[in-house]
PDB file of N, CA and C in Angstrom:
ATOM      1  N   MET A   1     -29.131-121.448  21.561  1.00  0.00           N
ATOM      2  CA  MET A   1     -28.826-119.748  20.277  1.00  0.00           C
ATOM      3  C   MET A   1     -27.144-119.848  20.725  1.00  0.00           C
ATOM      4  N   THR A   2     -26.714-119.252  19.738  1.00  0.00           N
ATOM      5  CA  THR A   2     -25.275-119.194  19.353  1.00  0.00           C
ATOM      6  C   THR A   2     -25.198-117.594  19.714  1.00  0.00           C
ATOM      7  N   GLU A   3     -23.906-117.303  19.637  1.00  0.00           N
ATOM      8  CA  GLU A   3     -23.867-115.783  19.990  1.00  0.00           C
ATOM      9  C   GLU A   3     -24.017-114.995  19.132  1.00  0.00           C
ATOM     10  N   ASP A   4     -23.984-115.512  17.727  1.00  0.00           N
ATOM     11  CA  ASP A   4     -24.469-114.466  16.590  1.00  0.00           C
ATOM     12  C   ASP A   4     -26.034-114.663  16.218  1.00  0.00           C
ATOM     13  N   THR A   5     -26.675-115.222  17.186  1.00  0.00           N
ATOM     14  CA  THR A   5     -28.117-115.325  17.334  1.00  0.00           C
ATOM     15  C   THR A   5     -28.414-115.210  18.599  1.00  0.00           C
ATOM     16  N   ALA A   6     -27.588-114.254  19.570  1.00  0.00           N
ATOM     17  CA  ALA A   6     -28.534-114.343  20.920  1.00  0.00           C
ATOM     18  C   ALA A   6     -30.187-113.419  20.925  1.00  0.00           C
ATOM     19  N   CYS A   7     -30.281-113.726  21.953  1.00  0.00           N
ATOM     20  CA  CYS A   7     -31.538-112.825  22.363  1.00  0.00           C
ATOM     21  C   CYS A   7     -31.502-111.734  23.416  1.00  0.00           C
ATOM     22  N   SER A   8     -31.417-110.930  22.862  1.00  0.00           N
ATOM     23  CA  SER A   8     -31.586-109.323  23.615  1.00  0.00           C
ATOM     24  C   SER A   8     -32.476-109.128  25.018  1.00  0.00           C
ATOM     25  N   SER A   9     -33.627-110.155  25.158  1.00  0.00           N
ATOM     26  CA  SER A   9     -33.891-110.272  26.529  1.00  0.00           C
ATOM     27  C   SER A   9     -34.601-111.401  26.786  1.00  0.00           C
ATOM     28  N   CYS A  10     -33.530-112.661  26.853  1.00  0.00           N
ATOM     29  CA  CYS A  10     -33.941-113.773  27.016  1.00  0.00           C
ATOM     30  C   CYS A  10     -35.146-114.026  28.326  1.00  0.00           C
ATOM     31  N   GLU A  11     -35.101-113.391  29.380  1.00  0.00           N
ATOM     32  CA  GLU A  11     -35.939-113.229  30.248  1.00  0.00           C
ATOM     33  C   GLU A  11     -37.778-113.161  29.393  1.00  0.00           C
ATOM     34  N   GLU A  12     -37.849-112.806  28.479  1.00  0.00           N
ATOM     35  CA  GLU A  12     -39.231-112.610  27.860  1.00  0.00           C
ATOM     36  C   GLU A  12     -38.952-113.563  26.504  1.00  0.00           C
ATOM     37  N   HIS A  13     -38.049-114.216  26.346  1.00  0.00           N
ATOM     38  CA  HIS A  13     -38.125-114.950  24.899  1.00  0.00           C
ATOM     39  C   HIS A  13     -39.406-116.056  24.686  1.00  0.00           C
ATOM     40  N   GLN A  14     -39.825-116.525  25.812  1.00  0.00           N
ATOM     41  CA  GLN A  14     -41.401-117.160  25.283  1.00  0.00           C
ATOM     42  C   GLN A  14     -42.291-115.954  24.425  1.00  0.00           C
ATOM     43  N   GLY A  15     -42.028-115.070  24.622  1.00  0.00           N
ATOM     44  CA  GLY A  15     -43.195-114.362  24.074  1.00  0.00           C
ATOM     45  C   GLY A  15     -42.361-113.824  22.424  1.00  0.00           C
ATOM     46  N   HIS A  16     -41.359-114.540  22.264  1.00  0.00           N
ATOM     47  CA  HIS A  16     -40.817-114.049  21.150  1.00  0.00           C
ATOM     48  C   HIS A  16     -41.552-114.714  19.521  1.00  0.00           C
ATOM     49  N   LEU A  17     -41.482-114.270  18.360  1.00  0.00           N
ATOM     50  CA  LEU A  17     -41.964-115.087  17.287  1.00  0.00           C
ATOM     51  C   LEU A  17     -41.428-116.568  17.476  1.00  0.00           C
ATOM     52  N   CYS A  18     -39.793-116.461  17.428  1.00  0.00           N
ATOM     53  CA  CYS A  18     -39.055-117.575  16.909  1.00  0.00           C
ATOM     54  C   CYS A  18     -40.006-119.081  18.040  1.00  0.00           C
ATOM     55  N   GLU A  19     -39.974-118.361  19.268  1.00  0.00           N
ATOM     56  CA  GLU A  19     -40.467-119.327  20.276  1.00  0.00           C
ATOM     57  C   GLU A  19     -41.911-119.435  20.394  1.00  0.00           C
ATOM     58  N   LEU A  20     -42.806-118.749  19.456  1.00  0.00           N
ATOM     59  CA  LEU A  20     -44.240-119.028  19.715  1.00  0.00           C
ATOM     60  C   LEU A  20     -44.231-119.754  18.462  1.00  0.00           C
ATOM     61  N   GLU A  21     -43.377-119.885  17.447  1.00  0.00           N
ATOM     62  CA  GLU A  21     -43.705-120.570  16.042  1.00  0.00           C
ATOM     63  C   GLU A  21     -43.223-122.043  16.390  1.00  0.00           C
ATOM     64  N   SER A  22     -42.120-121.802  17.198  1.00  0.00           N
ATOM     65  CA  SER A  22     -42.088-123.428  17.841  1.00  0.00           C
ATOM     66  C   SER A  22     -43.117-124.117  18.565  1.00  0.00           C
ATOM     67  N   GLN A  23     -43.575-123.318  19.238  1.00  0.00           N
ATOM     68  CA  GLN A  23     -44.954-123.768  20.082  1.00  0.00           C
ATOM     69  C   GLN A  23     -46.205-123.843  19.024  1.00  0.00           C
ATOM     70  N   GLN A  24     -46.346-123.431  17.741  1.00  0.00           N
ATOM     71  CA  GLN A  24     -47.253-123.316  17.306  1.00  0.00           C
ATOM     72  C   GLN A  24     -48.585-122.686  17.692  1.00  0.00           C
ATOM     73  N   GLU A  25     -48.187-121.164  18.207  1.00  0.00           N
ATOM     74  CA  GLU A  25     -48.974-120.458  18.773  1.00  0.00           C
ATOM     75  C   GLU A  25     -49.738-119.583  17.704  1.00  0.00           C
ATOM     76  N   TRP A  26     -50.319-120.171  16.615  1.00  0.00           N
ATOM     77  CA  TRP A  26     -50.486-119.306  15.466  1.00  0.00           C
ATOM     78  C   TRP A  26     -51.607-118.290  15.631  1.00  0.00           C
ATOM     79  N   ASP A  27     -52.861-118.318  16.734  1.00  0.00           N
ATOM     80  CA  ASP A  27     -53.514-117.376  16.887  1.00  0.00           C
ATOM     81  C   ASP A  27     -52.834-115.852  17.542  1.00  0.00           C
ATOM     82  N   ILE A  28     -51.658-116.252  18.241  1.00  0.00           N
ATOM     83  CA  ILE A  28     -51.232-115.145  18.734  1.00  0.00           C
ATOM     84  C   ILE A  28     -50.032-114.890  18.097  1.00  0.00           C
ATOM     85  N   ILE A  29     -49.280-115.223  17.397  1.00  0.00           N
ATOM     86  CA  ILE A  29     -48.510-114.932  15.966  1.00  0.00           C
ATOM     87  C   ILE A  29     -49.457-113.903  15.208  1.00  0.00           C
ATOM     88  N   ARG A  30     -50.753-114.300  15.165  1.00  0.00           N
ATOM     89  CA  ARG A  30     -51.496-113.223  14.065  1.00  0.00           C
ATOM     90  C   ARG A  30     -51.700-111.719  14.527  1.00  0.00           C
ATOM     91  N   GLN A  31     -52.065-112.412  16.091  1.00  0.00           N
ATOM     92  CA  GLN A  31     -52.039-110.556  16.587  1.00  0.00           C
ATOM     93  C   GLN A  31     -51.132-109.952  16.862  1.00  0.00           C
ATOM     94  N   VAL A  32     -50.146-110.703  17.129  1.00  0.00           N
ATOM     95  CA  VAL A  32     -48.534-109.623  17.265  1.00  0.00           C
ATOM     96  C   VAL A  32     -47.666-109.526  16.045  1.00  0.00           C
ATOM     97  N   THR A  33     -48.232-109.672  14.753  1.00  0.00           N
ATOM     98  CA  THR A  33     -47.501-109.459  13.717  1.00  0.00           C
ATOM     99  C   THR A  33     -48.894-108.712  12.421  1.00  0.00           C
ATOM    100  N   ASP A  34     -50.124-108.429  13.156  1.00  0.00           N
ATOM    101  CA  ASP A  34     -50.917-107.550  11.934  1.00  0.00           C
ATOM    102  C   ASP A  34     -50.621-106.444  11.801  1.00  0.00           C
ATOM    103  N   ARG A  35     -49.595-105.377  12.308  1.00  0.00           N
ATOM    104  CA  ARG A  35     -49.536-104.274  12.050  1.00  0.00           C
ATOM    105  C   ARG A  35     -47.683-104.110  12.537  1.00  0.00           C
ATOM    106  N   PRO A  36     -46.847-104.833  11.567  1.00  0.00           N
ATOM    107  CA  PRO A  36     -45.480-104.835  11.901  1.00  0.00           C
ATOM    108  C   PRO A  36     -45.040-103.195  12.277  1.00  0.00           C
ATOM    109  N   ALA A  37     -43.909-103.234  13.028  1.00  0.00           N
ATOM    110  CA  ALA A  37     -43.034-102.165  13.215  1.00  0.00           C
ATOM    111  C   ALA A  37     -41.604-102.178  13.437  1.00  0.00           C
ATOM    112  N   VAL A  38     -41.405-103.577  13.852  1.00  0.00           N
ATOM    113  CA  VAL A  38     -39.790-104.335  13.917  1.00  0.00           C
ATOM    114  C   VAL A  38     -39.857-105.120  13.046  1.00  0.00           C
ATOM    115  N   ARG A  39     -38.336-105.261  12.961  1.00  0.00           N
ATOM    116  CA  ARG A  39     -38.082-106.391  12.496  1.00  0.00           C
ATOM    117  C   ARG A  39     -36.950-107.457  13.437  1.00  0.00           C
ATOM    118  N   CYS A  40     -36.545-108.621  13.370  1.00  0.00           N
ATOM    119  CA  CYS A  40     -35.841-109.217  14.005  1.00  0.00           C
ATOM    120  C   CYS A  40     -34.319-109.253  13.039  1.00  0.00           C
ATOM    121  N   GLU A  41     -33.458-108.748  13.922  1.00  0.00           N
ATOM    122  CA  GLU A  41     -32.208-108.955  13.211  1.00  0.00           C
ATOM    123  C   GLU A  41     -31.822-109.873  12.789  1.00  0.00           C
ATOM    124  N   ASN A  42     -32.200-111.371  13.984  1.00  0.00           N
ATOM    125  CA  ASN A  42     -31.591-112.582  13.759  1.00  0.00           C
ATOM    126  C   ASN A  42     -32.207-113.226  12.791  1.00  0.00           C
ATOM    127  N   CYS A  43     -33.731-113.256  12.530  1.00  0.00           N
ATOM    128  CA  CYS A  43     -34.592-114.384  11.692  1.00  0.00           C
ATOM    129  C   CYS A  43     -35.053-113.716  10.681  1.00  0.00           C
ATOM    130  N   GLY A  44     -35.103-112.117  10.876  1.00  0.00           N
ATOM    131  CA  GLY A  44     -36.065-111.464   9.726  1.00  0.00           C
ATOM    132  C   GLY A  44     -37.610-111.352  10.020  1.00  0.00           C
ATOM    133  N   ASN A  45     -38.302-112.408  11.019  1.00  0.00           N
ATOM    134  CA  ASN A  45     -39.817-111.971  11.212  1.00  0.00           C
ATOM    135  C   ASN A  45     -39.861-110.510  11.547  1.00  0.00           C
ATOM    136  N   VAL A  46     -41.071-109.939  11.205  1.00  0.00           N
ATOM    137  CA  VAL A  46     -41.538-108.608  11.521  1.00  0.00           C
ATOM    138  C   VAL A  46     -42.282-108.929  12.631  1.00  0.00           C
ATOM    139  N   ALA A  47     -42.755-108.053  13.494  1.00  0.00           N
ATOM    140  CA  ALA A  47     -43.682-107.935  14.231  1.00  0.00           C
ATOM    141  C   ALA A  47     -44.253-106.634  15.201  1.00  0.00           C
ATOM    142  N   ASN A  48     -44.945-106.209  15.786  1.00  0.00           N
ATOM    143  CA  ASN A  48     -45.973-104.951  16.091  1.00  0.00           C
ATOM    144  C   ASN A  48     -44.822-104.569  16.950  1.00  0.00           C
ATOM    145  N   SER A  49     -44.153-105.227  18.005  1.00  0.00           N
ATOM    146  CA  SER A  49     -43.340-104.464  19.006  1.00  0.00           C
ATOM    147  C   SER A  49     -41.945-105.418  19.047  1.00  0.00           C
ATOM    148  N   ALA A  50     -41.059-104.598  19.459  1.00  0.00           N
ATOM    149  CA  ALA A  50     -39.995-105.147  20.112  1.00  0.00           C
ATOM    150  C   ALA A  50     -39.815-105.796  20.871  1.00  0.00           C
ATOM    151  N   LYS A  51     -40.842-106.216  21.963  1.00  0.00           N
ATOM    152  CA  LYS A  51     -40.998-107.390  22.821  1.00  0.00           C
ATOM    153  C   LYS A  51     -41.021-108.688  21.981  1.00  0.00           C
ATOM    154  N   ASN A  52     -41.571-108.514  20.923  1.00  0.00           N
ATOM    155  CA  ASN A  52     -41.750-110.233  20.232  1.00  0.00           C
ATOM    156  C   ASN A  52     -40.940-110.565  19.504  1.00  0.00           C
ATOM    157  N   VAL A  53     -39.782-109.955  19.326  1.00  0.00           N
ATOM    158  CA  VAL A  53     -38.619-110.152  18.578  1.00  0.00           C
ATOM    159  C   VAL A  53     -37.380-110.329  19.736  1.00  0.00           C
ATOM    160  N   CYS A  54     -36.229-111.172  19.143  1.00  0.00           N
ATOM    161  CA  CYS A  54     -35.041-111.646  19.999  1.00  0.00           C
ATOM    162  C   CYS A  54     -34.129-110.385  19.783  1.00  0.00           C
ATOM    163  N   MET A  55     -33.688-109.875  18.643  1.00  0.00           N
ATOM    164  CA  MET A  55     -33.123-108.723  18.143  1.00  0.00           C
ATOM    165  C   MET A  55     -33.738-107.640  17.291  1.00  0.00           C
ATOM    166  N   PRO A  56     -34.142-106.682  18.281  1.00  0.00           N
ATOM    167  CA  PRO A  56     -35.532-105.738  17.213  1.00  0.00           C
ATOM    168  C   PRO A  56     -34.347-104.666  16.360  1.00  0.00           C
ATOM    169  N   GLY A  57     -35.243-104.493  15.084  1.00  0.00           N
ATOM    170  CA  GLY A  57     -34.225-103.510  14.631  1.00  0.00           C
ATOM    171  C   GLY A  57     -35.388-102.583  13.577  1.00  0.00           C
ATOM    172  N   ASP A  58     -34.711-102.321  13.145  1.00  0.00           N
ATOM    173  CA  ASP A  58     -35.828-101.241  11.936  1.00  0.00           C
ATOM    174  C   ASP A  58     -36.284-101.992  10.953  1.00  0.00           C
ATOM    175  N   LEU A  59     -37.368-102.000  10.329  1.00  0.00           N
ATOM    176  CA  LEU A  59     -38.292-102.326   9.207  1.00  0.00           C
ATOM    177  C   LEU A  59     -37.093-102.276   7.742  1.00  0.00           C
ATOM    178  N   GLU A  60     -37.013-101.237   7.694  1.00  0.00           N
ATOM    179  CA  GLU A  60     -36.117-100.587   6.573  1.00  0.00           C
ATOM    180  C   GLU A  60     -35.183-101.053   6.675  1.00  0.00           C
TER     181      GLU A  60
END
């Protein structure tokens, strides 16, 4: 990860959408994105919880 795409909680990175996508964990991804409440400031992915993105931000 580069400085401008840093992860705010690297110790939990294995549960973030970018890592889940790289591992092709499609069932888990469906579960953590069915009621989006946050957007990742790095990649724009949306998730139900801030714990599933590297840099959580508002949906708007």
